[in-house]
Each structure stands twice: as structure tokens, then as C-alpha cells.
Amino acid sequence: MGWPLAVVIAIVIIGVVAVLSTIVAGNASVAAEKAKGEYGEQYRMIAADYETLAQETRDAAKAMRADLAEMREKVDSIEHMMREVG
């Protein structure tokens, strides 16, 4: 076995490794895209839940502000009556 045969074997081994690397990288890319699709749906669901929660929180805060304004009005009215009586 001479050095030309060794060079040919080395080139063949390098070629096989390159082909295998390409195949593995392609499979990894497909798996990554699949995972993105699965987790993307979960992300959209979580984002929708967060949007709903944020809207409910804004609505609750708005209702609380309205209730507090009504209570302030009543307290002011009671204080005004007490000043008139006193």
C-alpha cells in the first residue's frame, strides 16, 4: 500500500464524514423547526392568556376607581351635612 492509496482513502473518509455531517445538520434543522412550531403554539396561547388577564386587571382597576370615586362623593356629602348640623 503506497502513499497514493493512503491519500485516496483519506479523501474518501473525509467525503463520508462531510456527507454524514450534512445529513445530521439537516435532521437537526428539521427537528429545530418542529420544536419552534410546537413551542410557538404554546407561546401564542400564553400570550393570549396574558392579554386576557391584562384586560381583566384593567377592567377591575377601572371599576375600583369608580367605586372609590362614589365613596368619596358619599363621604364628602356626609362631611358637608355634619358641618351644616354642627
PDB file of N, CA and C in Angstrom:
ATOM      1  N   MET A   1       0.854  -1.169   0.000  1.00  0.00           N
ATOM      2  CA  MET A   1       0.000   0.000   0.000  1.00  0.00           C
ATOM      3  C   MET A   1       0.902   1.234   0.000  1.00  0.00           C
ATOM      4  N   GLY A   2       0.762   2.047  -1.034  1.00  0.00           N
ATOM      5  CA  GLY A   2       1.603   3.220  -1.181  1.00  0.00           C
ATOM      6  C   GLY A   2       0.884   4.476  -0.715  1.00  0.00           C
ATOM      7  N   TRP A   3       1.621   5.552  -0.767  1.00  0.00           N
ATOM      8  CA  TRP A   3       1.052   6.811  -0.305  1.00  0.00           C
ATOM      9  C   TRP A   3      -0.101   7.284  -1.180  1.00  0.00           C
ATOM     10  N   PRO A   4      -0.161   7.013  -2.503  1.00  0.00           N
ATOM     11  CA  PRO A   4      -1.332   7.451  -3.267  1.00  0.00           C
ATOM     12  C   PRO A   4      -2.616   6.776  -2.785  1.00  0.00           C
ATOM     13  N   LEU A   5      -2.526   5.503  -2.411  1.00  0.00           N
ATOM     14  CA  LEU A   5      -3.699   4.802  -1.900  1.00  0.00           C
ATOM     15  C   LEU A   5      -4.127   5.392  -0.557  1.00  0.00           C
ATOM     16  N   ALA A   6      -3.181   5.762   0.270  1.00  0.00           N
ATOM     17  CA  ALA A   6      -3.484   6.376   1.567  1.00  0.00           C
ATOM     18  C   ALA A   6      -4.183   7.726   1.369  1.00  0.00           C
ATOM     19  N   VAL A   7      -3.760   8.485   0.378  1.00  0.00           N
ATOM     20  CA  VAL A   7      -4.377   9.784   0.090  1.00  0.00           C
ATOM     21  C   VAL A   7      -5.814   9.575  -0.391  1.00  0.00           C
ATOM     22  N   VAL A   8      -6.032   8.592  -1.262  1.00  0.00           N
ATOM     23  CA  VAL A   8      -7.372   8.305  -1.760  1.00  0.00           C
ATOM     24  C   VAL A   8      -8.281   7.870  -0.611  1.00  0.00           C
ATOM     25  N   ILE A   9      -7.793   7.016   0.277  1.00  0.00           N
ATOM     26  CA  ILE A   9      -8.581   6.564   1.436  1.00  0.00           C
ATOM     27  C   ILE A   9      -8.910   7.754   2.336  1.00  0.00           C
ATOM     28  N   ALA A  10      -7.948   8.632   2.560  1.00  0.00           N
ATOM     29  CA  ALA A  10      -8.186   9.813   3.395  1.00  0.00           C
ATOM     30  C   ALA A  10      -9.247  10.705   2.759  1.00  0.00           C
ATOM     31  N   ILE A  11      -9.184  10.884   1.435  1.00  0.00           N
ATOM     32  CA  ILE A  11     -10.175  11.714   0.744  1.00  0.00           C
ATOM     33  C   ILE A  11     -11.565  11.086   0.847  1.00  0.00           C
ATOM     34  N   VAL A  12     -11.643   9.767   0.691  1.00  0.00           N
ATOM     35  CA  VAL A  12     -12.927   9.082   0.807  1.00  0.00           C
ATOM     36  C   VAL A  12     -13.480   9.225   2.217  1.00  0.00           C
ATOM     37  N   ILE A  13     -12.636   9.064   3.235  1.00  0.00           N
ATOM     38  CA  ILE A  13     -13.081   9.201   4.631  1.00  0.00           C
ATOM     39  C   ILE A  13     -13.579  10.624   4.882  1.00  0.00           C
ATOM     40  N   ILE A  14     -12.851  11.602   4.398  1.00  0.00           N
ATOM     41  CA  ILE A  14     -13.269  13.000   4.573  1.00  0.00           C
ATOM     42  C   ILE A  14     -14.600  13.236   3.862  1.00  0.00           C
ATOM     43  N   GLY A  15     -14.780  12.676   2.687  1.00  0.00           N
ATOM     44  CA  GLY A  15     -16.041  12.814   1.959  1.00  0.00           C
ATOM     45  C   GLY A  15     -17.200  12.188   2.708  1.00  0.00           C
ATOM     46  N   VAL A  16     -16.988  10.991   3.255  1.00  0.00           N
ATOM     47  CA  VAL A  16     -18.036  10.314   4.021  1.00  0.00           C
ATOM     48  C   VAL A  16     -18.402  11.137   5.253  1.00  0.00           C
ATOM     49  N   VAL A  17     -17.407  11.652   5.936  1.00  0.00           N
ATOM     50  CA  VAL A  17     -17.660  12.477   7.124  1.00  0.00           C
ATOM     51  C   VAL A  17     -18.439  13.738   6.737  1.00  0.00           C
ATOM     52  N   ALA A  18     -18.092  14.332   5.625  1.00  0.00           N
ATOM     53  CA  ALA A  18     -18.798  15.546   5.176  1.00  0.00           C
ATOM     54  C   ALA A  18     -20.260  15.232   4.861  1.00  0.00           C
ATOM     55  N   VAL A  19     -20.504  14.121   4.170  1.00  0.00           N
ATOM     56  CA  VAL A  19     -21.879  13.742   3.842  1.00  0.00           C
ATOM     57  C   VAL A  19     -22.678  13.456   5.109  1.00  0.00           C
ATOM     58  N   LEU A  20     -22.075  12.708   6.044  1.00  0.00           N
ATOM     59  CA  LEU A  20     -22.762  12.407   7.301  1.00  0.00           C
ATOM     60  C   LEU A  20     -23.048  13.685   8.091  1.00  0.00           C
ATOM     61  N   SER A  21     -22.102  14.610   8.110  1.00  0.00           N
ATOM     62  CA  SER A  21     -22.309  15.879   8.819  1.00  0.00           C
ATOM     63  C   SER A  21     -23.467  16.655   8.213  1.00  0.00           C
ATOM     64  N   THR A  22     -23.548  16.654   6.891  1.00  0.00           N
ATOM     65  CA  THR A  22     -24.638  17.354   6.209  1.00  0.00           C
ATOM     66  C   THR A  22     -25.989  16.734   6.556  1.00  0.00           C
ATOM     67  N   ILE A  23     -26.039  15.415   6.570  1.00  0.00           N
ATOM     68  CA  ILE A  23     -27.283  14.717   6.904  1.00  0.00           C
ATOM     69  C   ILE A  23     -27.696  15.014   8.342  1.00  0.00           C
ATOM     70  N   VAL A  24     -26.753  14.946   9.273  1.00  0.00           N
ATOM     71  CA  VAL A  24     -27.059  15.212  10.684  1.00  0.00           C
ATOM     72  C   VAL A  24     -27.514  16.658  10.860  1.00  0.00           C
ATOM     73  N   ALA A  25     -26.854  17.598  10.189  1.00  0.00           N
ATOM     74  CA  ALA A  25     -27.237  19.012  10.300  1.00  0.00           C
ATOM     75  C   ALA A  25     -28.638  19.235   9.726  1.00  0.00           C
ATOM     76  N   GLY A  26     -28.954  18.562   8.651  1.00  0.00           N
ATOM     77  CA  GLY A  26     -30.300  18.677   8.068  1.00  0.00           C
ATOM     78  C   GLY A  26     -31.363  18.153   9.010  1.00  0.00           C
ATOM     79  N   ASN A  27     -31.103  17.000   9.629  1.00  0.00           N
ATOM     80  CA  ASN A  27     -32.054  16.442  10.591  1.00  0.00           C
ATOM     81  C   ASN A  27     -32.215  17.350  11.806  1.00  0.00           C
ATOM     82  N   ALA A  28     -31.116  17.930  12.260  1.00  0.00           N
ATOM     83  CA  ALA A  28     -31.189  18.842  13.402  1.00  0.00           C
ATOM     84  C   ALA A  28     -32.006  20.080  13.045  1.00  0.00           C
ATOM     85  N   SER A  29     -31.846  20.561  11.825  1.00  0.00           N
ATOM     86  CA  SER A  29     -32.600  21.738  11.382  1.00  0.00           C
ATOM     87  C   SER A  29     -34.092  21.438  11.339  1.00  0.00           C
ATOM     88  N   VAL A  30     -34.447  20.265  10.828  1.00  0.00           N
ATOM     89  CA  VAL A  30     -35.855  19.870  10.775  1.00  0.00           C
ATOM     90  C   VAL A  30     -36.425  19.748  12.188  1.00  0.00           C
ATOM     91  N   ALA A  31     -35.658  19.140  13.091  1.00  0.00           N
ATOM     92  CA  ALA A  31     -36.118  18.997  14.478  1.00  0.00           C
ATOM     93  C   ALA A  31     -36.282  20.364  15.146  1.00  0.00           C
ATOM     94  N   ALA A  32     -35.375  21.282  14.849  1.00  0.00           N
ATOM     95  CA  ALA A  32     -35.470  22.622  15.433  1.00  0.00           C
ATOM     96  C   ALA A  32     -36.716  23.343  14.934  1.00  0.00           C
ATOM     97  N   GLU A  33     -37.015  23.231  13.657  1.00  0.00           N
ATOM     98  CA  GLU A  33     -38.215  23.870  13.112  1.00  0.00           C
ATOM     99  C   GLU A  33     -39.484  23.261  13.705  1.00  0.00           C
ATOM    100  N   LYS A  34     -39.466  21.961  13.901  1.00  0.00           N
ATOM    101  CA  LYS A  34     -40.619  21.286  14.504  1.00  0.00           C
ATOM    102  C   LYS A  34     -40.836  21.776  15.936  1.00  0.00           C
ATOM    103  N   ALA A  35     -39.749  21.893  16.689  1.00  0.00           N
ATOM    104  CA  ALA A  35     -39.846  22.379  18.066  1.00  0.00           C
ATOM    105  C   ALA A  35     -40.353  23.819  18.091  1.00  0.00           C
ATOM    106  N   LYS A  36     -39.876  24.643  17.157  1.00  0.00           N
ATOM    107  CA  LYS A  36     -40.354  26.027  17.094  1.00  0.00           C
ATOM    108  C   LYS A  36     -41.851  26.068  16.849  1.00  0.00           C
ATOM    109  N   GLY A  37     -42.331  25.185  15.985  1.00  0.00           N
ATOM    110  CA  GLY A  37     -43.760  25.139  15.702  1.00  0.00           C
ATOM    111  C   GLY A  37     -44.559  24.737  16.930  1.00  0.00           C
ATOM    112  N   GLU A  38     -44.093  23.733  17.650  1.00  0.00           N
ATOM    113  CA  GLU A  38     -44.803  23.281  18.850  1.00  0.00           C
ATOM    114  C   GLU A  38     -44.773  24.347  19.939  1.00  0.00           C
ATOM    115  N   TYR A  39     -43.607  24.892  20.191  1.00  0.00           N
ATOM    116  CA  TYR A  39     -43.498  25.885  21.256  1.00  0.00           C
ATOM    117  C   TYR A  39     -44.095  27.221  20.834  1.00  0.00           C
ATOM    118  N   GLY A  40     -44.134  27.478  19.542  1.00  0.00           N
ATOM    119  CA  GLY A  40     -44.753  28.709  19.055  1.00  0.00           C
ATOM    120  C   GLY A  40     -46.233  28.733  19.386  1.00  0.00           C
ATOM    121  N   GLU A  41     -46.901  27.582  19.245  1.00  0.00           N
ATOM    122  CA  GLU A  41     -48.328  27.500  19.580  1.00  0.00           C
ATOM    123  C   GLU A  41     -48.534  27.715  21.079  1.00  0.00           C
ATOM    124  N   GLN A  42     -47.667  27.109  21.886  1.00  0.00           N
ATOM    125  CA  GLN A  42     -47.762  27.311  23.336  1.00  0.00           C
ATOM    126  C   GLN A  42     -47.537  28.778  23.677  1.00  0.00           C
ATOM    127  N   TYR A  43     -46.579  29.414  23.015  1.00  0.00           N
ATOM    128  CA  TYR A  43     -46.313  30.833  23.257  1.00  0.00           C
ATOM    129  C   TYR A  43     -47.540  31.674  22.905  1.00  0.00           C
ATOM    130  N   ARG A  44     -48.166  31.372  21.773  1.00  0.00           N
ATOM    131  CA  ARG A  44     -49.360  32.138  21.385  1.00  0.00           C
ATOM    132  C   ARG A  44     -50.481  31.961  22.404  1.00  0.00           C
ATOM    133  N   MET A  45     -50.625  30.753  22.937  1.00  0.00           N
ATOM    134  CA  MET A  45     -51.666  30.511  23.944  1.00  0.00           C
ATOM    135  C   MET A  45     -51.370  31.293  25.220  1.00  0.00           C
ATOM    136  N   ILE A  46     -50.115  31.282  25.641  1.00  0.00           N
ATOM    137  CA  ILE A  46     -49.735  32.020  26.852  1.00  0.00           C
ATOM    138  C   ILE A  46     -49.925  33.519  26.630  1.00  0.00           C
ATOM    139  N   ALA A  47     -49.549  34.003  25.453  1.00  0.00           N
ATOM    140  CA  ALA A  47     -49.720  35.433  25.154  1.00  0.00           C
ATOM    141  C   ALA A  47     -51.193  35.817  25.172  1.00  0.00           C
ATOM    142  N   ALA A  48     -52.055  34.954  24.642  1.00  0.00           N
ATOM    143  CA  ALA A  48     -53.495  35.240  24.651  1.00  0.00           C
ATOM    144  C   ALA A  48     -54.032  35.252  26.081  1.00  0.00           C
ATOM    145  N   ASP A  49     -53.571  34.297  26.907  1.00  0.00           N
ATOM    146  CA  ASP A  49     -53.989  34.284  28.310  1.00  0.00           C
ATOM    147  C   ASP A  49     -53.523  35.546  29.033  1.00  0.00           C
ATOM    148  N   TYR A  50     -52.296  35.978  28.748  1.00  0.00           N
ATOM    149  CA  TYR A  50     -51.771  37.190  29.370  1.00  0.00           C
ATOM    150  C   TYR A  50     -52.589  38.400  28.941  1.00  0.00           C
ATOM    151  N   GLU A  51     -52.941  38.465  27.663  1.00  0.00           N
ATOM    152  CA  GLU A  51     -53.768  39.582  27.181  1.00  0.00           C
ATOM    153  C   GLU A  51     -55.106  39.622  27.907  1.00  0.00           C
ATOM    154  N   THR A  52     -55.726  38.464  28.064  1.00  0.00           N
ATOM    155  CA  THR A  52     -57.000  38.380  28.768  1.00  0.00           C
ATOM    156  C   THR A  52     -56.844  38.840  30.211  1.00  0.00           C
ATOM    157  N   LEU A  53     -55.796  38.359  30.876  1.00  0.00           N
ATOM    158  CA  LEU A  53     -55.544  38.748  32.263  1.00  0.00           C
ATOM    159  C   LEU A  53     -55.304  40.246  32.381  1.00  0.00           C
ATOM    160  N   ALA A  54     -54.537  40.793  31.453  1.00  0.00           N
ATOM    161  CA  ALA A  54     -54.265  42.235  31.483  1.00  0.00           C
ATOM    162  C   ALA A  54     -55.555  43.034  31.308  1.00  0.00           C
ATOM    163  N   GLN A  55     -56.408  42.604  30.403  1.00  0.00           N
ATOM    164  CA  GLN A  55     -57.683  43.301  30.185  1.00  0.00           C
ATOM    165  C   GLN A  55     -58.563  43.206  31.430  1.00  0.00           C
ATOM    166  N   GLU A  56     -58.629  42.022  32.038  1.00  0.00           N
ATOM    167  CA  GLU A  56     -59.426  41.862  33.255  1.00  0.00           C
ATOM    168  C   GLU A  56     -58.883  42.741  34.379  1.00  0.00           C
ATOM    169  N   THR A  57     -57.566  42.845  34.477  1.00  0.00           N
ATOM    170  CA  THR A  57     -56.952  43.692  35.506  1.00  0.00           C
ATOM    171  C   THR A  57     -57.290  45.158  35.264  1.00  0.00           C
ATOM    172  N   ARG A  58     -57.221  45.599  33.997  1.00  0.00           N
ATOM    173  CA  ARG A  58     -57.589  46.994  33.684  1.00  0.00           C
ATOM    174  C   ARG A  58     -59.046  47.249  34.017  1.00  0.00           C
ATOM    175  N   ASP A  59     -59.922  46.305  33.677  1.00  0.00           N
ATOM    176  CA  ASP A  59     -61.345  46.471  33.969  1.00  0.00           C
ATOM    177  C   ASP A  59     -61.598  46.531  35.474  1.00  0.00           C
ATOM    178  N   ALA A  60     -60.908  45.674  36.235  1.00  0.00           N
ATOM    179  CA  ALA A  60     -61.077  45.673  37.692  1.00  0.00           C
ATOM    180  C   ALA A  60     -60.575  46.984  38.292  1.00  0.00           C
ATOM    181  N   ALA A  61     -59.447  47.480  37.799  1.00  0.00           N
ATOM    182  CA  ALA A  61     -58.908  48.744  38.300  1.00  0.00           C
ATOM    183  C   ALA A  61     -59.860  49.899  37.983  1.00  0.00           C
ATOM    184  N   LYS A  62     -60.436  49.871  36.798  1.00  0.00           N
ATOM    185  CA  LYS A  62     -61.387  50.916  36.409  1.00  0.00           C
ATOM    186  C   LYS A  62     -62.620  50.878  37.316  1.00  0.00           C
ATOM    187  N   ALA A  63     -63.116  49.675  37.601  1.00  0.00           N
ATOM    188  CA  ALA A  63     -64.278  49.534  38.484  1.00  0.00           C
ATOM    189  C   ALA A  63     -63.937  50.009  39.899  1.00  0.00           C
ATOM    190  N   MET A  64     -62.733  49.688  40.370  1.00  0.00           N
ATOM    191  CA  MET A  64     -62.327  50.131  41.710  1.00  0.00           C
ATOM    192  C   MET A  64     -62.233  51.649  41.779  1.00  0.00           C
ATOM    193  N   ARG A  65     -61.689  52.268  40.723  1.00  0.00           N
ATOM    194  CA  ARG A  65     -61.619  53.740  40.707  1.00  0.00           C
ATOM    195  C   ARG A  65     -63.017  54.343  40.746  1.00  0.00           C
ATOM    196  N   ALA A  66     -63.948  53.744  40.021  1.00  0.00           N
ATOM    197  CA  ALA A  66     -65.325  54.252  40.024  1.00  0.00           C
ATOM    198  C   ALA A  66     -65.941  54.093  41.412  1.00  0.00           C
ATOM    199  N   ASP A  67     -65.724  52.943  42.061  1.00  0.00           N
ATOM    200  CA  ASP A  67     -66.253  52.724  43.409  1.00  0.00           C
ATOM    201  C   ASP A  67     -65.649  53.701  44.405  1.00  0.00           C
ATOM    202  N   LEU A  68     -64.338  53.923  44.289  1.00  0.00           N
ATOM    203  CA  LEU A  68     -63.691  54.878  45.203  1.00  0.00           C
ATOM    204  C   LEU A  68     -64.214  56.292  44.987  1.00  0.00           C
ATOM    205  N   ALA A  69     -64.443  56.667  43.744  1.00  0.00           N
ATOM    206  CA  ALA A  69     -64.979  57.998  43.467  1.00  0.00           C
ATOM    207  C   ALA A  69     -66.369  58.137  44.072  1.00  0.00           C
ATOM    208  N   GLU A  70     -67.179  57.086  43.970  1.00  0.00           N
ATOM    209  CA  GLU A  70     -68.521  57.112  44.554  1.00  0.00           C
ATOM    210  C   GLU A  70     -68.448  57.229  46.079  1.00  0.00           C
ATOM    211  N   MET A  71     -67.531  56.482  46.690  1.00  0.00           N
ATOM    212  CA  MET A  71     -67.379  56.547  48.152  1.00  0.00           C
ATOM    213  C   MET A  71     -66.907  57.924  48.588  1.00  0.00           C
ATOM    214  N   ARG A  72     -65.970  58.520  47.840  1.00  0.00           N
ATOM    215  CA  ARG A  72     -65.500  59.866  48.173  1.00  0.00           C
ATOM    216  C   ARG A  72     -66.648  60.867  48.117  1.00  0.00           C
ATOM    217  N   GLU A  73     -67.479  60.687  47.114  1.00  0.00           N
ATOM    218  CA  GLU A  73     -68.634  61.564  46.976  1.00  0.00           C
ATOM    219  C   GLU A  73     -69.542  61.449  48.198  1.00  0.00           C
ATOM    220  N   LYS A  74     -69.806  60.220  48.627  1.00  0.00           N
ATOM    221  CA  LYS A  74     -70.661  59.997  49.797  1.00  0.00           C
ATOM    222  C   LYS A  74     -70.037  60.574  51.054  1.00  0.00           C
ATOM    223  N   VAL A  75     -68.718  60.357  51.218  1.00  0.00           N
ATOM    224  CA  VAL A  75     -68.030  60.889  52.408  1.00  0.00           C
ATOM    225  C   VAL A  75     -68.070  62.410  52.394  1.00  0.00           C
ATOM    226  N   ASP A  76     -67.822  63.004  51.238  1.00  0.00           N
ATOM    227  CA  ASP A  76     -67.881  64.463  51.141  1.00  0.00           C
ATOM    228  C   ASP A  76     -69.284  64.971  51.482  1.00  0.00           C
ATOM    229  N   SER A  77     -70.304  64.260  51.017  1.00  0.00           N
ATOM    230  CA  SER A  77     -71.676  64.647  51.302  1.00  0.00           C
ATOM    231  C   SER A  77     -71.963  64.555  52.799  1.00  0.00           C
ATOM    232  N   ILE A  78     -71.523  63.467  53.426  1.00  0.00           N
ATOM    233  CA  ILE A  78     -71.727  63.294  54.870  1.00  0.00           C
ATOM    234  C   ILE A  78     -70.979  64.366  55.637  1.00  0.00           C
ATOM    235  N   GLU A  79     -69.740  64.657  55.254  1.00  0.00           N
ATOM    236  CA  GLU A  79     -68.970  65.707  55.927  1.00  0.00           C
ATOM    237  C   GLU A  79     -69.649  67.051  55.777  1.00  0.00           C
ATOM    238  N   HIS A  80     -70.175  67.342  54.617  1.00  0.00           N
ATOM    239  CA  HIS A  80     -70.870  68.596  54.367  1.00  0.00           C
ATOM    240  C   HIS A  80     -72.108  68.695  55.276  1.00  0.00           C
ATOM    241  N   MET A  81     -72.885  67.607  55.391  1.00  0.00           N
ATOM    242  CA  MET A  81     -74.077  67.615  56.270  1.00  0.00           C
ATOM    243  C   MET A  81     -73.668  67.809  57.726  1.00  0.00           C
ATOM    244  N   MET A  82     -72.576  67.160  58.150  1.00  0.00           N
ATOM    245  CA  MET A  82     -72.138  67.275  59.536  1.00  0.00           C
ATOM    246  C   MET A  82     -71.678  68.701  59.842  1.00  0.00           C
ATOM    247  N   ARG A  83     -71.046  69.363  58.877  1.00  0.00           N
ATOM    248  CA  ARG A  83     -70.628  70.740  59.099  1.00  0.00           C
ATOM    249  C   ARG A  83     -71.838  71.653  59.232  1.00  0.00           C
ATOM    250  N   GLU A  84     -72.863  71.384  58.434  1.00  0.00           N
ATOM    251  CA  GLU A  84     -74.085  72.203  58.498  1.00  0.00           C
ATOM    252  C   GLU A  84     -74.818  71.996  59.821  1.00  0.00           C
ATOM    253  N   VAL A  85     -74.831  70.748  60.308  1.00  0.00           N
ATOM    254  CA  VAL A  85     -75.532  70.453  61.567  1.00  0.00           C
ATOM    255  C   VAL A  85     -74.742  71.010  62.743  1.00  0.00           C
ATOM    256  N   GLY A  86     -73.438  70.887  62.678  1.00  0.00           N
ATOM    257  CA  GLY A  86     -72.581  71.305  63.790  1.00  0.00           C
ATOM    258  C   GLY A  86     -72.385  72.743  63.812  1.00  0.00           C
TER     259      GLY A  86
END
